[in-house]
């Protein structure tokens, strides 16, 4: 069926409600908009759904969410796991509570119990909840840091991590197999509650979650010592982090926590933000204003579903606030945990730090310094979560810390996804340690650079929307795959990794070895002197991302080198 026929069927079919039809009638003379909404089905990818909210097959709406839930239900039933239930959480976005209910009532109609949070909760708490409740799966309704017009739907499995191979592909097949929306079941909410198939969860899970977080603190005595002196400014960016962050910091004894009032409460329109992303400096406008007013030591921001953390800290020499990338804040926490666990004799046997292939190469010297095994996985925190599961199954290693470049990390194994609540808590402990020593987080960062090298990373992103954009992204990847560049400017390519074809090619000898990681549409170029570049199409947005890293002799030198590598990449493209 073509997009125009699909559009007409939604207008004529009595299955679709009047509100949906009114929305579609408003665009009946806009063929380009009709095409965009109906030229394809909103793809249920390896992480779930993500898209613009609205009517149509290529949009997030109650029908596409119900279809995704029916596909998941069919998979759970085939696994014989329908008796375990599914936990569901949601964020502050438009339609998030409604989509959570649609998913829960679809599962209930399939005989699968839904445990639905009473109100918005952070994504990492969902990961914790489903394991605590012994569920077979979990769903989070969130579009993370995307603009306000978006929403999304992420699926987790019983280990608490987002689904990985082969289950992710099998769930996708179940969703694709549903060709008629009428095959998607639902039931009345009151009937579902009466049948014991829909249960509201809340405070009891919150209490257990916060208790687990606090176990990650290494030096509570240092926090108590500086609790009245250290000043923290925090913004939840109108999302889910506000209550858990305020609670855990208060319970640890921090007395000077200032929350940005304009961004404290949930706001689905993100009125005070261009883009609710802690990677975006503009997201810190209000927080930095408050920080200067209060003379804060650190400034923290969590994204709307509170799995990623952005950081600023004061530079005592200039009095200005300096921004930290996800790699920098991750390395601060990692160095502190590894150093203090080693010092206090609390480091477990066979310790491991897990990171992704596009995260800073500083992980190599840091793990070597503390005799901790470093494991690299594909991009996506679900692969870090998968390693925790493997450690538990095999006893091979003990997880100490995990991080990825995109502002996400995890201390502890209470969750199997990145957790900005525990990251806030850990970073506030590191800041307390610095305060006691008469230093700032920025001073400590400079010490780490001096010790391990001035590592610097950046991204170059090309956005190509629509049908033509997807083709162009494929063409760029195919060109790089079939004719890998021999050099980036003056830097020779030493090794070329093609994760799709499971090949590491030595560019000098021609020798081929396997990557040892699952197949993925990712290309990686190893360059001399700890330089590297990696190409990867985004799984959730119409973008191709190029990640790059260098090592310099100073901040200025590293900045110059990463700028030069970016220009060399652009020249190649």
Protein backbone atom coordinates (compact mmCIF):
# COMPACT_ATOMS: atom_id res chain seq x y z
CA UNK A 1 0.00 0.00 0.00
CA UNK A 2 1.37 3.44 -0.94
CA UNK A 3 1.54 6.34 1.49
CA UNK A 4 -1.59 8.03 0.09
CA UNK A 5 -3.65 4.81 0.33
CA UNK A 6 -2.40 4.32 3.91
CA UNK A 7 -3.38 7.91 4.73
CA UNK A 8 -6.90 7.36 3.34
CA UNK A 9 -7.32 4.09 5.23
CA UNK A 10 -6.55 5.87 8.54
CA UNK A 11 -9.18 8.48 7.67
CA UNK A 12 -11.85 5.92 6.75
CA UNK A 13 -11.22 3.07 9.19
CA UNK A 14 -13.40 3.27 12.33
CA UNK A 15 -10.55 1.70 14.34
CA UNK A 16 -8.78 5.08 14.50
CA UNK A 17 -10.28 7.66 16.86
CA UNK A 18 -11.81 10.99 15.87
CA UNK A 19 -8.93 13.05 17.28
CA UNK A 20 -6.47 11.18 15.03
CA UNK A 21 -8.71 11.75 12.01
CA UNK A 22 -9.02 15.47 12.76
CA UNK A 23 -5.24 15.76 12.90
CA UNK A 24 -4.94 14.02 9.54
CA UNK A 25 -7.70 16.08 7.93
CA UNK A 26 -5.70 19.19 8.81
CA UNK A 27 -2.84 18.00 6.54
CA UNK A 28 -4.95 16.60 3.67
CA UNK A 29 -3.62 19.23 1.24
CA UNK A 30 0.02 18.81 2.25
CA UNK A 31 1.31 15.83 0.27
CA UNK A 32 4.88 16.13 1.55
CA UNK A 33 3.67 15.94 5.15
CA UNK A 34 1.41 12.98 4.30
CA UNK A 35 4.34 11.21 2.66
CA UNK A 36 6.60 11.77 5.68
CA UNK A 37 3.95 10.40 8.06
CA UNK A 38 3.01 7.36 5.98
CA UNK A 39 5.89 6.41 3.63
CA UNK A 40 7.05 3.82 6.16
CA UNK A 41 6.28 2.35 9.56
CA UNK A 42 8.07 3.92 12.52
CA UNK A 43 10.93 1.50 12.79
CA UNK A 44 11.16 -0.68 15.88
CA UNK A 45 14.96 -0.78 16.07
CA UNK A 46 17.35 -2.59 18.41
CA UNK A 47 16.59 -0.03 21.15
CA UNK A 48 12.84 0.25 20.48
CA UNK A 49 10.92 3.17 19.00
CA UNK A 50 11.76 6.85 18.74
CA UNK A 51 10.01 9.47 16.65
CA UNK A 52 7.91 12.60 16.39
CA UNK A 53 4.55 12.44 18.20
CA UNK A 54 1.57 12.51 15.83
CA UNK A 55 -0.86 10.54 13.68
CA UNK A 56 0.55 8.20 11.04
CA UNK A 57 2.50 4.97 10.65
CA UNK A 58 5.83 6.86 10.89
CA UNK A 59 4.93 8.64 14.13
CA UNK A 60 4.74 7.95 17.87
CA UNK A 61 1.06 7.49 18.77
CA UNK A 62 -1.15 5.11 20.74
CA UNK A 63 -1.44 2.78 17.74
CA UNK A 64 2.28 2.41 17.01
CA UNK A 65 2.97 2.03 20.75
CA UNK A 66 0.26 -0.64 21.09
CA UNK A 67 1.67 -2.48 18.10
CA UNK A 68 5.17 -2.45 19.60
CA UNK A 69 3.71 -3.75 22.88
CA UNK A 70 1.81 -6.52 21.10
CA UNK A 71 5.00 -7.60 19.35
CA UNK A 72 6.81 -7.66 22.69
CA UNK A 73 3.92 -9.61 24.26
CA UNK A 74 4.04 -12.18 21.44
CA UNK A 75 7.78 -12.61 21.99
CA UNK A 76 7.40 -12.97 25.78
CA UNK A 77 4.68 -15.62 25.32
CA UNK A 78 6.87 -17.56 22.86
CA UNK A 79 9.63 -17.46 25.50
CA UNK A 80 7.20 -18.95 28.03
CA UNK A 81 7.89 -16.00 30.34
CA UNK A 82 4.41 -14.45 30.54
CA UNK A 83 4.06 -15.23 34.26
CA UNK A 84 6.90 -12.89 35.31
CA UNK A 85 5.42 -9.50 34.34
CA UNK A 86 6.83 -6.33 32.79
CA UNK A 87 7.85 -3.10 34.59
CA UNK A 88 7.01 0.22 32.90
CA UNK A 89 8.39 3.70 33.59
CA UNK A 90 7.94 7.00 31.79
CA UNK A 91 9.40 10.51 31.66
CA UNK A 92 8.03 14.07 31.58
CA UNK A 93 7.30 14.27 27.83
CA UNK A 94 3.99 14.79 26.09
CA UNK A 95 1.97 11.56 25.92
CA UNK A 96 4.43 9.64 28.14
CA UNK A 97 1.83 8.63 30.80
CA UNK A 98 -0.68 7.74 28.05
CA UNK A 99 1.87 5.61 26.14
CA UNK A 100 2.86 3.84 29.39
CA UNK A 101 -0.80 2.96 29.98
CA UNK A 102 -1.32 1.83 26.37
CA UNK A 103 1.68 -0.51 26.73
CA UNK A 104 0.57 -1.80 30.14
CA UNK A 105 -3.02 -2.50 29.05
CA UNK A 106 -1.85 -4.26 25.88
CA UNK A 107 0.38 -6.55 27.96
CA UNK A 108 -2.44 -7.10 30.48
CA UNK A 109 -4.82 -8.09 27.65
CA UNK A 110 -2.23 -10.71 26.69
CA UNK A 111 -2.20 -12.12 30.24
CA UNK A 112 1.12 -10.45 31.17
CA UNK A 113 1.14 -8.44 34.40
CA UNK A 114 2.19 -4.80 34.03
CA UNK A 115 3.91 -2.99 36.92
CA UNK A 116 3.48 0.71 36.07
CA UNK A 117 5.11 3.54 38.03
CA UNK A 118 2.63 5.96 39.64
CA UNK A 119 4.41 8.98 38.11
CA UNK A 120 7.52 9.86 36.13
CA UNK A 121 10.77 8.08 37.06
CA UNK A 122 14.38 8.01 35.80
CA UNK A 123 15.31 5.38 33.22
CA UNK A 124 17.93 3.74 35.52
CA UNK A 125 15.27 3.20 38.19
CA UNK A 126 13.28 1.16 35.66
CA UNK A 127 16.35 -1.04 35.14
CA UNK A 128 16.57 -1.48 38.91
CA UNK A 129 12.81 -2.03 39.34
CA UNK A 130 12.41 -4.82 36.82
CA UNK A 131 15.20 -6.84 38.48
CA UNK A 132 13.85 -6.10 41.98
CA UNK A 133 10.35 -7.26 40.94
CA UNK A 134 11.68 -10.30 39.06
CA UNK A 135 10.14 -9.18 35.76
CA UNK A 136 10.91 -10.72 32.41
CA UNK A 137 11.15 -7.33 30.69
CA UNK A 138 10.84 -3.58 31.12
CA UNK A 139 9.68 -0.61 29.07
CA UNK A 140 10.70 3.04 29.40
CA UNK A 141 8.66 5.65 27.58
CA UNK A 142 11.20 8.39 26.85
CA UNK A 143 12.93 10.21 24.01
CA UNK A 144 15.89 10.96 26.28
CA UNK A 145 17.41 14.31 25.21
CA UNK A 146 15.57 14.72 21.88
CA UNK A 147 13.55 17.91 21.15
CA UNK A 148 10.04 18.28 22.67
CA UNK A 149 8.14 16.98 19.62
CA UNK A 150 9.71 13.52 20.10
CA UNK A 151 8.92 10.54 22.29
CA UNK A 152 10.26 7.01 22.43
CA UNK A 153 9.89 3.49 23.79
CA UNK A 154 12.86 1.42 25.00
CA UNK A 155 12.74 -2.29 25.83
CA UNK A 156 14.76 -3.97 28.59
CA UNK A 157 15.18 -7.66 29.36
CA UNK A 158 15.22 -9.53 32.69
CA UNK A 159 18.90 -8.75 33.40
CA UNK A 160 17.99 -5.04 33.52
CA UNK A 161 19.87 -4.05 30.36
CA UNK A 162 18.34 -2.97 27.05
CA UNK A 163 17.75 -6.01 24.86
CA UNK A 164 20.79 -7.29 22.96
CA UNK A 165 21.27 -9.90 20.22
CA UNK A 166 19.64 -12.22 19.40
CA UNK A 167 16.54 -11.13 21.39
CA UNK A 168 16.50 -7.58 19.94
CA UNK A 169 16.21 -8.90 16.37
CA UNK A 170 13.60 -11.50 17.40
CA UNK A 171 11.40 -8.82 19.05
CA UNK A 172 11.77 -6.65 15.93
CA UNK A 173 10.52 -9.58 13.81
CA UNK A 174 7.49 -10.05 16.08
CA UNK A 175 6.59 -6.34 15.76
CA UNK A 176 7.07 -6.40 11.96
CA UNK A 177 4.88 -9.51 11.67
CA UNK A 178 1.81 -7.56 12.85
CA UNK A 179 0.22 -6.27 9.65
CA UNK A 180 -3.11 -5.13 11.11
CA UNK A 181 -3.51 -2.75 14.08
CA UNK A 182 -6.72 -4.60 14.99
CA UNK A 183 -4.62 -7.60 16.03
CA UNK A 184 -3.18 -5.55 18.90
CA UNK A 185 -5.01 -6.35 22.13
CA UNK A 186 -6.06 -3.98 24.88
CA UNK A 187 -8.45 -3.98 27.84
CA UNK A 188 -10.19 -1.67 30.29
CA UNK A 189 -7.85 -0.39 33.03
CA UNK A 190 -10.22 -1.10 35.91
CA UNK A 191 -10.75 -4.64 34.62
CA UNK A 192 -6.97 -5.12 34.35
CA UNK A 193 -6.47 -3.94 37.95
CA UNK A 194 -9.30 -6.20 39.17
CA UNK A 195 -7.73 -9.16 37.37
CA UNK A 196 -4.35 -8.47 39.03
CA UNK A 197 -2.78 -7.71 35.64
CA UNK A 198 -2.06 -4.01 36.24
CA UNK A 199 -0.26 -2.89 39.41
CA UNK A 200 0.85 0.63 40.30
CA UNK A 201 4.35 0.83 41.82
CA UNK A 202 6.19 3.71 43.45
CA UNK A 203 7.62 4.58 46.84
CA UNK A 204 8.67 1.07 47.85
CA UNK A 205 10.88 0.82 44.75
CA UNK A 206 12.22 4.38 45.27
CA UNK A 207 13.38 3.50 48.81
CA UNK A 208 15.23 0.38 47.67
CA UNK A 209 16.80 2.19 44.71
CA UNK A 210 18.16 5.07 46.82
CA UNK A 211 19.50 2.59 49.40
CA UNK A 212 21.45 0.80 46.64
CA UNK A 213 22.89 4.07 45.33
CA UNK A 214 24.23 5.06 48.73
CA UNK A 215 26.22 1.81 48.93
CA UNK A 216 28.53 3.24 46.24
CA UNK A 217 29.87 5.98 48.54
CA UNK A 218 33.46 5.23 49.57
CA UNK A 219 34.13 8.07 52.06
CA UNK A 220 30.93 9.22 53.80
CA UNK A 221 33.13 10.82 56.47
CA UNK A 222 34.63 13.25 53.92
CA UNK A 223 31.14 14.29 52.79
CA UNK A 224 30.14 14.99 56.42
CA UNK A 225 33.33 17.02 56.94
CA UNK A 226 32.69 19.43 54.03
CA UNK A 227 28.86 19.21 53.84
CA UNK A 228 28.39 22.79 55.02
CA UNK A 229 31.12 24.26 52.79
CA UNK A 230 30.51 22.72 49.39
CA UNK A 231 27.90 24.36 47.14
CA UNK A 232 26.11 22.40 44.41
CA UNK A 233 23.84 23.80 41.68
CA UNK A 234 21.64 21.25 39.95
CA UNK A 235 19.10 21.28 37.11
CA UNK A 236 16.94 18.29 36.08
CA UNK A 237 16.24 20.08 32.77
CA UNK A 238 12.47 19.78 33.42
CA UNK A 239 12.75 15.98 33.57
CA UNK A 240 12.78 13.04 35.98
CA UNK A 241 15.94 13.63 38.02
CA UNK A 242 14.72 16.28 40.46
CA UNK A 243 13.26 14.19 43.30
CA UNK A 244 15.80 11.34 43.39
CA UNK A 245 18.80 13.71 43.09
CA UNK A 246 17.56 16.02 45.84
CA UNK A 247 16.71 13.04 48.03
CA UNK A 248 20.03 11.19 47.73
CA UNK A 249 22.14 14.34 48.24
CA UNK A 250 20.08 15.33 51.28
CA UNK A 251 20.34 11.85 52.81
CA UNK A 252 24.13 11.91 52.30
CA UNK A 253 24.29 15.18 54.22
CA UNK A 254 24.90 17.81 51.53
CA UNK A 255 23.39 21.01 52.92
CA UNK A 256 23.87 23.50 50.08
CA UNK A 257 22.10 22.09 47.02
CA UNK A 258 20.47 24.75 44.84
CA UNK A 259 18.01 23.55 42.18
CA UNK A 260 17.37 25.81 39.17
CA UNK A 261 13.75 26.96 39.86
CA UNK A 262 12.85 27.52 36.18
CA UNK A 263 13.80 23.90 35.34
CA UNK A 264 12.89 22.08 38.56
CA UNK A 265 9.41 20.90 37.60
CA UNK A 266 8.46 18.66 34.67
CA UNK A 267 7.77 20.63 31.49
CA UNK A 268 6.99 18.62 28.33
CA UNK A 269 7.60 21.72 26.19
CA UNK A 270 11.05 22.38 27.71
CA UNK A 271 10.16 26.08 27.61
CA UNK A 272 13.49 27.30 29.01
CA UNK A 273 15.58 25.06 26.73
CA UNK A 274 16.38 24.98 23.02
CA UNK A 275 17.38 21.36 23.41
CA UNK A 276 17.15 19.40 26.71
CA UNK A 277 20.62 17.91 26.34
CA UNK A 278 23.39 18.25 28.96
CA UNK A 279 25.92 18.11 26.10
CA UNK A 280 24.60 21.47 24.86
CA UNK A 281 26.24 24.47 26.61
CA UNK A 282 23.01 26.47 26.16
CA UNK A 283 21.21 23.97 28.43
CA UNK A 284 23.34 25.37 31.30
CA UNK A 285 22.32 29.04 30.85
CA UNK A 286 20.05 29.18 33.91
CA UNK A 287 22.24 26.86 36.00
CA UNK A 288 25.41 28.91 35.42
CA UNK A 289 23.55 32.11 36.29
CA UNK A 290 22.50 30.55 39.61
CA UNK A 291 26.02 29.12 40.15
CA UNK A 292 27.59 32.59 39.88
CA UNK A 293 24.98 33.99 42.26
CA UNK A 294 25.64 31.25 44.86
CA UNK A 295 29.40 30.91 44.15
CA UNK A 296 28.88 27.18 43.56
CA UNK A 297 31.71 24.65 43.40
CA UNK A 298 30.02 22.43 40.83
CA UNK A 299 27.09 22.71 38.41
CA UNK A 300 25.24 19.56 37.37
CA UNK A 301 22.51 18.81 34.81
CA UNK A 302 20.73 15.53 34.11
CA UNK A 303 18.85 14.92 30.86
CA UNK A 304 15.04 14.43 30.93
CA UNK A 305 15.16 10.67 31.67
CA UNK A 306 18.13 11.12 34.04
CA UNK A 307 20.53 8.64 32.55
CA UNK A 308 23.13 11.21 31.42
CA UNK A 309 24.99 13.88 33.37
CA UNK A 310 26.55 17.19 32.27
CA UNK A 311 29.06 18.99 34.50
CA UNK A 312 30.67 22.41 34.99
CA UNK A 313 33.20 23.19 37.73
CA UNK A 314 34.99 26.34 38.83
CA UNK A 315 38.51 27.12 37.65
CA UNK A 316 40.01 28.86 40.71
CA UNK A 317 42.60 30.70 38.60
CA UNK A 318 40.07 32.46 36.37
CA UNK A 319 36.95 32.23 38.53
CA UNK A 320 35.09 30.94 35.46
CA UNK A 321 33.12 27.71 35.17
CA UNK A 322 34.68 25.09 32.89
CA UNK A 323 32.59 22.48 31.05
CA UNK A 324 33.42 18.79 31.25
CA UNK A 325 32.74 16.32 28.47
CA UNK A 326 31.29 12.91 29.31
CA UNK A 327 34.78 11.46 28.90
CA UNK A 328 36.22 13.96 31.39
CA UNK A 329 33.58 13.50 34.11
CA UNK A 330 33.71 9.73 33.56
CA UNK A 331 37.49 9.73 34.01
CA UNK A 332 37.22 11.83 37.18
CA UNK A 333 34.84 9.30 38.74
CA UNK A 334 36.83 6.30 37.42
CA UNK A 335 40.18 7.58 38.73
CA UNK A 336 38.61 8.34 42.13
CA UNK A 337 36.91 4.94 42.46
CA UNK A 338 39.98 2.96 41.33
CA UNK A 339 42.37 4.97 43.49
CA UNK A 340 40.24 4.95 46.65
CA UNK A 341 39.18 1.31 46.36
CA UNK A 342 42.86 0.35 45.92
CA UNK A 343 43.88 2.57 48.86
CA UNK A 344 41.15 1.26 51.20
CA UNK A 345 41.60 -2.39 50.21
CA UNK A 346 38.03 -2.63 48.92
CA UNK A 347 38.91 -3.37 45.29
CA UNK A 348 37.33 -6.73 44.35
CA UNK A 349 39.39 -9.56 42.84
CA UNK A 350 39.65 -9.55 39.04
CA UNK A 351 38.29 -6.00 38.74
CA UNK A 352 37.09 -4.79 35.33
CA UNK A 353 36.23 -1.41 33.84
CA UNK A 354 33.95 -1.57 30.80
CA UNK A 355 33.83 1.10 28.13
CA UNK A 356 32.86 1.53 24.48
CA UNK A 357 35.07 1.73 21.39
CA UNK A 358 34.31 5.46 20.97
CA UNK A 359 35.14 6.43 24.57
CA UNK A 360 38.40 8.19 25.47
CA UNK A 361 41.66 6.23 25.19
CA UNK A 362 42.60 7.57 28.63
CA UNK A 363 40.87 4.42 29.91
CA UNK A 364 43.98 2.44 28.85
CA UNK A 365 46.59 4.13 31.10
CA UNK A 366 44.11 4.54 34.00
CA UNK A 367 43.17 0.86 34.14
CA UNK A 368 46.82 -0.15 33.69
CA UNK A 369 47.86 2.06 36.64
CA UNK A 370 45.48 0.22 38.98
CA UNK A 371 45.82 -3.25 37.47
CA UNK A 372 42.18 -3.31 36.38
CA UNK A 373 41.08 -5.18 33.26
CA UNK A 374 39.76 -2.94 30.48
CA UNK A 375 36.99 -4.32 28.28
CA UNK A 376 35.81 -2.43 25.19
CA UNK A 377 32.34 -3.05 23.72
CA UNK A 378 30.26 -1.58 20.89
CA UNK A 379 28.61 1.84 21.29
CA UNK A 380 25.52 1.65 23.48
CA UNK A 381 25.31 1.14 27.23
CA UNK A 382 23.35 -2.08 26.75
CA UNK A 383 26.64 -3.75 25.81
CA UNK A 384 28.19 -2.58 29.09
CA UNK A 385 25.14 -3.98 30.91
CA UNK A 386 25.59 -7.25 29.03
CA UNK A 387 29.16 -7.55 30.37
CA UNK A 388 27.89 -7.27 33.97
CA UNK A 389 25.54 -10.19 33.24
CA UNK A 390 28.41 -12.23 31.73
CA UNK A 391 30.62 -11.52 34.78
CA UNK A 392 27.85 -12.81 37.05
CA UNK A 393 27.29 -15.90 34.92
CA UNK A 394 30.96 -16.83 34.53
CA UNK A 395 32.62 -15.34 37.61
CA UNK A 396 35.39 -14.13 35.28
CA UNK A 397 35.53 -10.53 36.57
CA UNK A 398 34.00 -8.11 39.02
CA UNK A 399 32.51 -4.94 37.58
CA UNK A 400 33.97 -1.75 39.07
CA UNK A 401 32.84 0.99 36.69
CA UNK A 402 31.47 1.54 33.20
CA UNK A 403 31.26 4.61 30.99
CA UNK A 404 30.57 5.84 27.49
CA UNK A 405 31.49 9.15 25.86
CA UNK A 406 27.89 10.36 25.60
CA UNK A 407 27.75 11.57 29.22
CA UNK A 408 26.69 8.19 30.64
CA UNK A 409 28.27 6.05 33.34
CA UNK A 410 27.40 3.49 36.01
CA UNK A 411 28.95 2.84 39.41
CA UNK A 412 27.55 -0.33 40.99
CA UNK A 413 25.42 -3.07 39.48
CA UNK A 414 22.01 -2.03 40.87
CA UNK A 415 21.07 -0.97 37.32
CA UNK A 416 22.26 -2.22 33.95
CA UNK A 417 22.03 1.11 32.16
CA UNK A 418 23.77 4.44 32.59
CA UNK A 419 22.58 6.17 35.73
CA UNK A 420 22.87 9.95 36.13
CA UNK A 421 21.53 9.80 39.71
CA UNK A 422 24.45 7.64 40.88
CA UNK A 423 26.80 9.76 38.71
CA UNK A 424 25.63 12.95 40.46
CA UNK A 425 26.20 11.28 43.81
CA UNK A 426 29.68 9.98 42.90
CA UNK A 427 30.76 13.30 41.42
CA UNK A 428 29.60 15.14 44.54
CA UNK A 429 31.77 12.76 46.59
CA UNK A 430 34.75 13.48 44.30
CA UNK A 431 34.07 17.22 44.66
CA UNK A 432 33.94 16.78 48.45
CA UNK A 433 37.32 15.04 48.39
CA UNK A 434 38.69 17.93 46.30
CA UNK A 435 37.18 20.51 48.69
CA UNK A 436 38.87 18.83 51.65
CA UNK A 437 42.19 18.98 49.77
CA UNK A 438 41.67 22.67 48.92
CA UNK A 439 41.13 21.90 45.22
CA UNK A 440 38.33 22.00 42.67
CA UNK A 441 37.18 19.31 40.24
CA UNK A 442 38.99 21.25 37.51
CA UNK A 443 42.25 21.12 39.49
CA UNK A 444 41.83 17.35 39.81
CA UNK A 445 41.13 17.06 36.07
CA UNK A 446 44.40 18.87 35.32
CA UNK A 447 46.25 16.47 37.66
CA UNK A 448 44.76 13.52 35.78
CA UNK A 449 45.85 15.02 32.44
CA UNK A 450 49.38 15.51 33.77
CA UNK A 451 49.47 11.93 35.03
CA UNK A 452 48.01 10.11 32.00
CA UNK A 453 48.27 12.52 29.05
CA UNK A 454 46.11 15.24 27.54
CA UNK A 455 43.47 13.14 25.80
CA UNK A 456 40.84 15.05 23.82
CA UNK A 457 37.81 13.83 21.90
CA UNK A 458 35.27 15.39 19.59
CA UNK A 459 32.42 14.56 17.23
CA UNK A 460 31.59 15.65 13.72
CA UNK A 461 27.95 15.00 12.77
CA UNK A 462 26.21 15.15 9.40
CA UNK A 463 22.38 15.32 9.54
CA UNK A 464 20.55 14.02 6.45
CA UNK A 465 16.76 13.84 6.87
CA UNK A 466 14.10 11.91 4.96
CA UNK A 467 14.26 9.10 2.39
CA UNK A 468 17.14 10.66 0.45
CA UNK A 469 19.09 11.28 3.66
CA UNK A 470 19.05 7.59 4.61
CA UNK A 471 20.42 6.71 1.16
CA UNK A 472 23.18 9.33 1.44
CA UNK A 473 24.23 7.98 4.86
CA UNK A 474 24.44 4.47 3.35
CA UNK A 475 26.53 5.81 0.48
CA UNK A 476 29.02 7.50 2.82
CA UNK A 477 29.43 4.29 4.86
CA UNK A 478 29.77 2.12 1.73
CA UNK A 479 32.42 4.42 0.26
CA UNK A 480 34.49 4.31 3.48
CA UNK A 481 33.99 0.56 3.80
CA UNK A 482 34.90 -0.37 0.23
CA UNK A 483 37.78 2.10 -0.15
CA UNK A 484 39.13 2.80 3.36
CA UNK A 485 41.35 5.89 3.39
CA UNK A 486 45.07 5.17 3.77
CA UNK A 487 45.65 8.38 5.74
CA UNK A 488 43.94 11.28 7.51
CA UNK A 489 46.13 14.20 6.43
CA UNK A 490 49.66 13.24 7.50
CA UNK A 491 48.40 10.47 9.81
CA UNK A 492 48.64 7.00 8.28
CA UNK A 493 45.82 4.56 8.98
CA UNK A 494 47.48 1.70 10.87
CA UNK A 495 44.46 -0.56 11.18
CA UNK A 496 40.94 -0.43 9.76
CA UNK A 497 38.14 -2.14 11.70
CA UNK A 498 34.90 -3.05 9.96
CA UNK A 499 32.51 -4.32 12.62
CA UNK A 500 29.81 -5.14 10.06
CA UNK A 501 32.11 -7.69 8.39
CA UNK A 502 34.00 -8.61 11.60
CA UNK A 503 37.39 -7.64 10.16
CA UNK A 504 40.44 -5.80 11.48
CA UNK A 505 42.67 -5.05 8.49
CA UNK A 506 46.35 -4.24 9.07
CA UNK A 507 46.86 -1.58 6.41
CA UNK A 508 50.59 -2.28 6.10
CA UNK A 509 50.69 -6.08 5.99
CA UNK A 510 47.15 -6.74 4.68
CA UNK A 511 46.60 -9.25 7.51
CA UNK A 512 42.98 -9.71 8.58
CA UNK A 513 41.82 -10.67 12.07
CA UNK A 514 38.30 -10.75 13.63
CA UNK A 515 37.05 -7.84 15.76
CA UNK A 516 35.63 -10.20 18.38
CA UNK A 517 32.52 -8.03 18.80
CA UNK A 518 28.95 -8.45 17.46
CA UNK A 519 28.21 -7.27 13.91
CA UNK A 520 27.40 -3.58 13.71
CA UNK A 521 27.48 -0.91 11.01
CA UNK A 522 30.56 0.78 12.47
CA UNK A 523 33.95 1.62 10.93
CA UNK A 524 37.03 2.44 13.01
CA UNK A 525 40.39 3.86 11.90
CA UNK A 526 43.39 3.36 14.20
CA UNK A 527 45.95 6.14 13.72
CA UNK A 528 49.43 6.68 15.26
CA UNK A 529 50.02 8.19 18.73
CA UNK A 530 46.64 7.38 20.32
CA UNK A 531 44.75 9.13 17.49
CA UNK A 532 41.62 7.48 16.09
CA UNK A 533 38.41 8.09 14.13
CA UNK A 534 35.17 6.10 14.09
CA UNK A 535 32.16 6.36 11.73
CA UNK A 536 28.70 5.27 12.87
CA UNK A 537 25.16 6.05 11.66
CA UNK A 538 22.87 7.02 14.56
CA UNK A 539 20.30 4.39 15.48
CA UNK A 540 17.72 6.96 16.61
CA UNK A 541 18.24 10.07 14.46
CA UNK A 542 18.88 10.80 10.74
CA UNK A 543 22.59 11.37 11.35
CA UNK A 544 25.99 9.90 10.66
CA UNK A 545 28.43 10.51 13.51
CA UNK A 546 32.20 10.64 13.34
CA UNK A 547 33.93 10.22 16.69
CA UNK A 548 37.58 11.26 17.00
CA UNK A 549 40.27 11.21 19.67
CA UNK A 550 43.82 12.50 20.06
CA UNK A 551 46.52 12.77 22.73
CA UNK A 552 48.47 16.01 23.21
CA UNK A 553 51.21 17.42 25.43
CA UNK A 554 48.94 20.16 26.82
CA UNK A 555 45.31 21.29 26.60
CA UNK A 556 46.22 23.70 23.81
CA UNK A 557 48.18 21.06 21.92
CA UNK A 558 45.34 18.50 22.21
CA UNK A 559 42.79 21.12 21.05
CA UNK A 560 44.92 21.95 18.02
CA UNK A 561 45.41 18.28 17.16
CA UNK A 562 41.70 17.41 17.40
CA UNK A 563 40.82 20.46 15.26
CA UNK A 564 43.36 19.35 12.62
CA UNK A 565 42.01 15.76 12.65
CA UNK A 566 38.46 17.12 12.16
CA UNK A 567 39.60 19.17 9.15
CA UNK A 568 41.44 16.13 7.70
CA UNK A 569 38.24 14.07 8.07
CA UNK A 570 36.13 16.74 6.32
CA UNK A 571 38.68 16.83 3.46
CA UNK A 572 38.33 13.05 3.07
CA UNK A 573 34.53 13.23 2.91
